[in-house]
Amino acid sequence: MNMKTMKYEELLDEQLKDEEFRQAYEEHEEEFTVAREVIALRQQANMTQRELAERVGTSQPAIARLESGNYRNLSLAFLRRVADALGAVTEVHLRREKM
């Protein structure tokens, strides 16, 4: 069986062509953006999820949930601790909804 390897961006672009998927993705876009940023920063720091969790003072499953984009009730304080552990800064922006 010859399976083609697909990059995340390619897979996402393909899936976003489906209207139902696109709407669901857009509802959670901020969570996915934070997840991608945490993963990238953690990998750049050559840290495992467990190492990041230890620096943050949380569990590895909590970091896995954050990186999955499936972290509900994410607090700004927690996000700041993650950013500090990664040598990053936290930015929060508010904007009017599209009308």
C-alpha atoms as a PDB file:
ATOM      1  CA  MET A   1       0.000   0.000   0.000  1.00  0.00           C
ATOM      2  CA  ASN A   2       1.516   3.318  -1.083  1.00  0.00           C
ATOM      3  CA  MET A   3       0.207   6.173   1.048  1.00  0.00           C
ATOM      4  CA  LYS A   4       1.118   9.736   0.209  1.00  0.00           C
ATOM      5  CA  THR A   5       2.331  11.818   3.133  1.00  0.00           C
ATOM      6  CA  MET A   6       0.406  15.059   3.414  1.00  0.00           C
ATOM      7  CA  LYS A   7       1.464  18.148   5.310  1.00  0.00           C
ATOM      8  CA  TYR A   8      -0.930  19.582   7.873  1.00  0.00           C
ATOM      9  CA  GLU A   9      -1.559  22.697   5.790  1.00  0.00           C
ATOM     10  CA  GLU A  10      -2.362  20.635   2.691  1.00  0.00           C
ATOM     11  CA  LEU A  11      -4.760  18.427   4.622  1.00  0.00           C
ATOM     12  CA  LEU A  12      -6.441  21.435   6.210  1.00  0.00           C
ATOM     13  CA  ASP A  13      -6.810  23.186   2.833  1.00  0.00           C
ATOM     14  CA  GLU A  14      -8.427  20.060   1.429  1.00  0.00           C
ATOM     15  CA  GLN A  15     -10.805  19.662   4.379  1.00  0.00           C
ATOM     16  CA  LEU A  16     -11.771  23.355   4.351  1.00  0.00           C
ATOM     17  CA  LYS A  17     -13.370  22.799   0.935  1.00  0.00           C
ATOM     18  CA  ASP A  18     -16.163  20.997   2.793  1.00  0.00           C
ATOM     19  CA  GLU A  19     -18.656  23.664   3.963  1.00  0.00           C
ATOM     20  CA  GLU A  20     -19.683  21.848   7.156  1.00  0.00           C
ATOM     21  CA  PHE A  21     -16.059  21.272   8.157  1.00  0.00           C
ATOM     22  CA  ARG A  22     -15.146  24.887   7.329  1.00  0.00           C
ATOM     23  CA  GLN A  23     -17.915  26.268   9.544  1.00  0.00           C
ATOM     24  CA  ALA A  24     -16.928  24.026  12.459  1.00  0.00           C
ATOM     25  CA  TYR A  25     -13.264  24.945  12.007  1.00  0.00           C
ATOM     26  CA  GLU A  26     -14.009  28.660  11.945  1.00  0.00           C
ATOM     27  CA  GLU A  27     -15.955  28.374  15.211  1.00  0.00           C
ATOM     28  CA  HIS A  28     -12.792  27.079  16.894  1.00  0.00           C
ATOM     29  CA  GLU A  29     -10.126  28.851  14.857  1.00  0.00           C
ATOM     30  CA  GLU A  30      -8.632  30.700  17.845  1.00  0.00           C
ATOM     31  CA  GLU A  31      -8.128  27.457  19.768  1.00  0.00           C
ATOM     32  CA  PHE A  32      -6.432  25.837  16.779  1.00  0.00           C
ATOM     33  CA  THR A  33      -4.184  28.872  16.292  1.00  0.00           C
ATOM     34  CA  VAL A  34      -3.065  28.773  19.931  1.00  0.00           C
ATOM     35  CA  ALA A  35      -2.504  25.019  19.663  1.00  0.00           C
ATOM     36  CA  ARG A  36      -0.289  25.386  16.572  1.00  0.00           C
ATOM     37  CA  GLU A  37       1.685  28.198  18.215  1.00  0.00           C
ATOM     38  CA  VAL A  38       2.299  26.212  21.415  1.00  0.00           C
ATOM     39  CA  ILE A  39       3.396  23.146  19.436  1.00  0.00           C
ATOM     40  CA  ALA A  40       5.778  25.186  17.286  1.00  0.00           C
ATOM     41  CA  LEU A  41       7.326  26.998  20.257  1.00  0.00           C
ATOM     42  CA  ARG A  42       7.664  23.770  22.255  1.00  0.00           C
ATOM     43  CA  GLN A  43       9.352  22.010  19.352  1.00  0.00           C
ATOM     44  CA  GLN A  44      11.696  24.955  18.755  1.00  0.00           C
ATOM     45  CA  ALA A  45      12.694  24.683  22.423  1.00  0.00           C
ATOM     46  CA  ASN A  46      13.282  20.912  21.978  1.00  0.00           C
ATOM     47  CA  MET A  47      10.864  20.178  24.813  1.00  0.00           C
ATOM     48  CA  THR A  48       8.502  17.276  25.240  1.00  0.00           C
ATOM     49  CA  GLN A  49       4.960  17.812  26.445  1.00  0.00           C
ATOM     50  CA  ARG A  50       6.019  16.377  29.799  1.00  0.00           C
ATOM     51  CA  GLU A  51       8.940  18.802  30.118  1.00  0.00           C
ATOM     52  CA  LEU A  52       6.700  21.744  29.277  1.00  0.00           C
ATOM     53  CA  ALA A  53       4.113  20.534  31.791  1.00  0.00           C
ATOM     54  CA  GLU A  54       6.766  20.372  34.516  1.00  0.00           C
ATOM     55  CA  ARG A  55       7.876  23.942  33.769  1.00  0.00           C
ATOM     56  CA  VAL A  56       4.276  25.169  33.771  1.00  0.00           C
ATOM     57  CA  GLY A  57       3.314  23.229  36.905  1.00  0.00           C
ATOM     58  CA  THR A  58       0.620  21.151  35.260  1.00  0.00           C
ATOM     59  CA  SER A  59       0.184  17.654  33.833  1.00  0.00           C
ATOM     60  CA  GLN A  60       1.255  16.309  30.450  1.00  0.00           C
ATOM     61  CA  PRO A  61      -2.397  15.550  29.541  1.00  0.00           C
ATOM     62  CA  ALA A  62      -3.229  19.241  30.137  1.00  0.00           C
ATOM     63  CA  ILE A  63      -0.534  20.228  27.621  1.00  0.00           C
ATOM     64  CA  ALA A  64      -1.819  17.572  25.186  1.00  0.00           C
ATOM     65  CA  ARG A  65      -5.348  19.038  25.454  1.00  0.00           C
ATOM     66  CA  LEU A  66      -3.993  22.537  24.864  1.00  0.00           C
ATOM     67  CA  GLU A  67      -2.068  21.345  21.798  1.00  0.00           C
ATOM     68  CA  SER A  68      -5.126  19.529  20.448  1.00  0.00           C
ATOM     69  CA  GLY A  69      -7.148  22.740  20.410  1.00  0.00           C
ATOM     70  CA  ASN A  70      -9.603  20.990  22.699  1.00  0.00           C
ATOM     71  CA  TYR A  71      -8.839  22.851  25.924  1.00  0.00           C
ATOM     72  CA  ARG A  72     -12.077  24.268  27.292  1.00  0.00           C
ATOM     73  CA  ASN A  73     -12.162  27.126  29.778  1.00  0.00           C
ATOM     74  CA  LEU A  74      -8.574  28.073  29.035  1.00  0.00           C
ATOM     75  CA  SER A  75      -7.574  30.789  31.482  1.00  0.00           C
ATOM     76  CA  LEU A  76      -5.358  33.705  30.594  1.00  0.00           C
ATOM     77  CA  ALA A  77      -3.257  32.939  33.683  1.00  0.00           C
ATOM     78  CA  PHE A  78      -2.592  29.386  32.425  1.00  0.00           C
ATOM     79  CA  LEU A  79      -1.748  30.641  28.952  1.00  0.00           C
ATOM     80  CA  ARG A  80       0.693  33.146  30.466  1.00  0.00           C
ATOM     81  CA  ARG A  81       2.410  30.360  32.430  1.00  0.00           C
ATOM     82  CA  VAL A  82       2.762  28.335  29.226  1.00  0.00           C
ATOM     83  CA  ALA A  83       4.133  31.365  27.377  1.00  0.00           C
ATOM     84  CA  ASP A  84       6.622  32.088  30.182  1.00  0.00           C
ATOM     85  CA  ALA A  85       7.831  28.474  30.116  1.00  0.00           C
ATOM     86  CA  LEU A  86       8.363  28.765  26.359  1.00  0.00           C
ATOM     87  CA  GLY A  87      10.087  32.166  26.524  1.00  0.00           C
ATOM     88  CA  ALA A  88       7.166  33.749  24.703  1.00  0.00           C
ATOM     89  CA  VAL A  89       4.693  36.549  25.356  1.00  0.00           C
ATOM     90  CA  THR A  90       0.921  36.361  25.461  1.00  0.00           C
ATOM     91  CA  GLU A  91      -1.117  38.687  23.269  1.00  0.00           C
ATOM     92  CA  VAL A  92      -4.896  39.001  23.486  1.00  0.00           C
ATOM     93  CA  HIS A  93      -6.955  41.013  21.040  1.00  0.00           C
ATOM     94  CA  LEU A  94     -10.624  41.915  20.893  1.00  0.00           C
ATOM     95  CA  ARG A  95     -12.399  42.994  17.734  1.00  0.00           C
ATOM     96  CA  ARG A  96     -15.946  43.544  16.639  1.00  0.00           C
ATOM     97  CA  GLU A  97     -17.691  40.616  15.050  1.00  0.00           C
ATOM     98  CA  LYS A  98     -18.123  40.713  11.322  1.00  0.00           C
ATOM     99  CA  MET A  99     -21.534  42.063  10.492  1.00  0.00           C
END
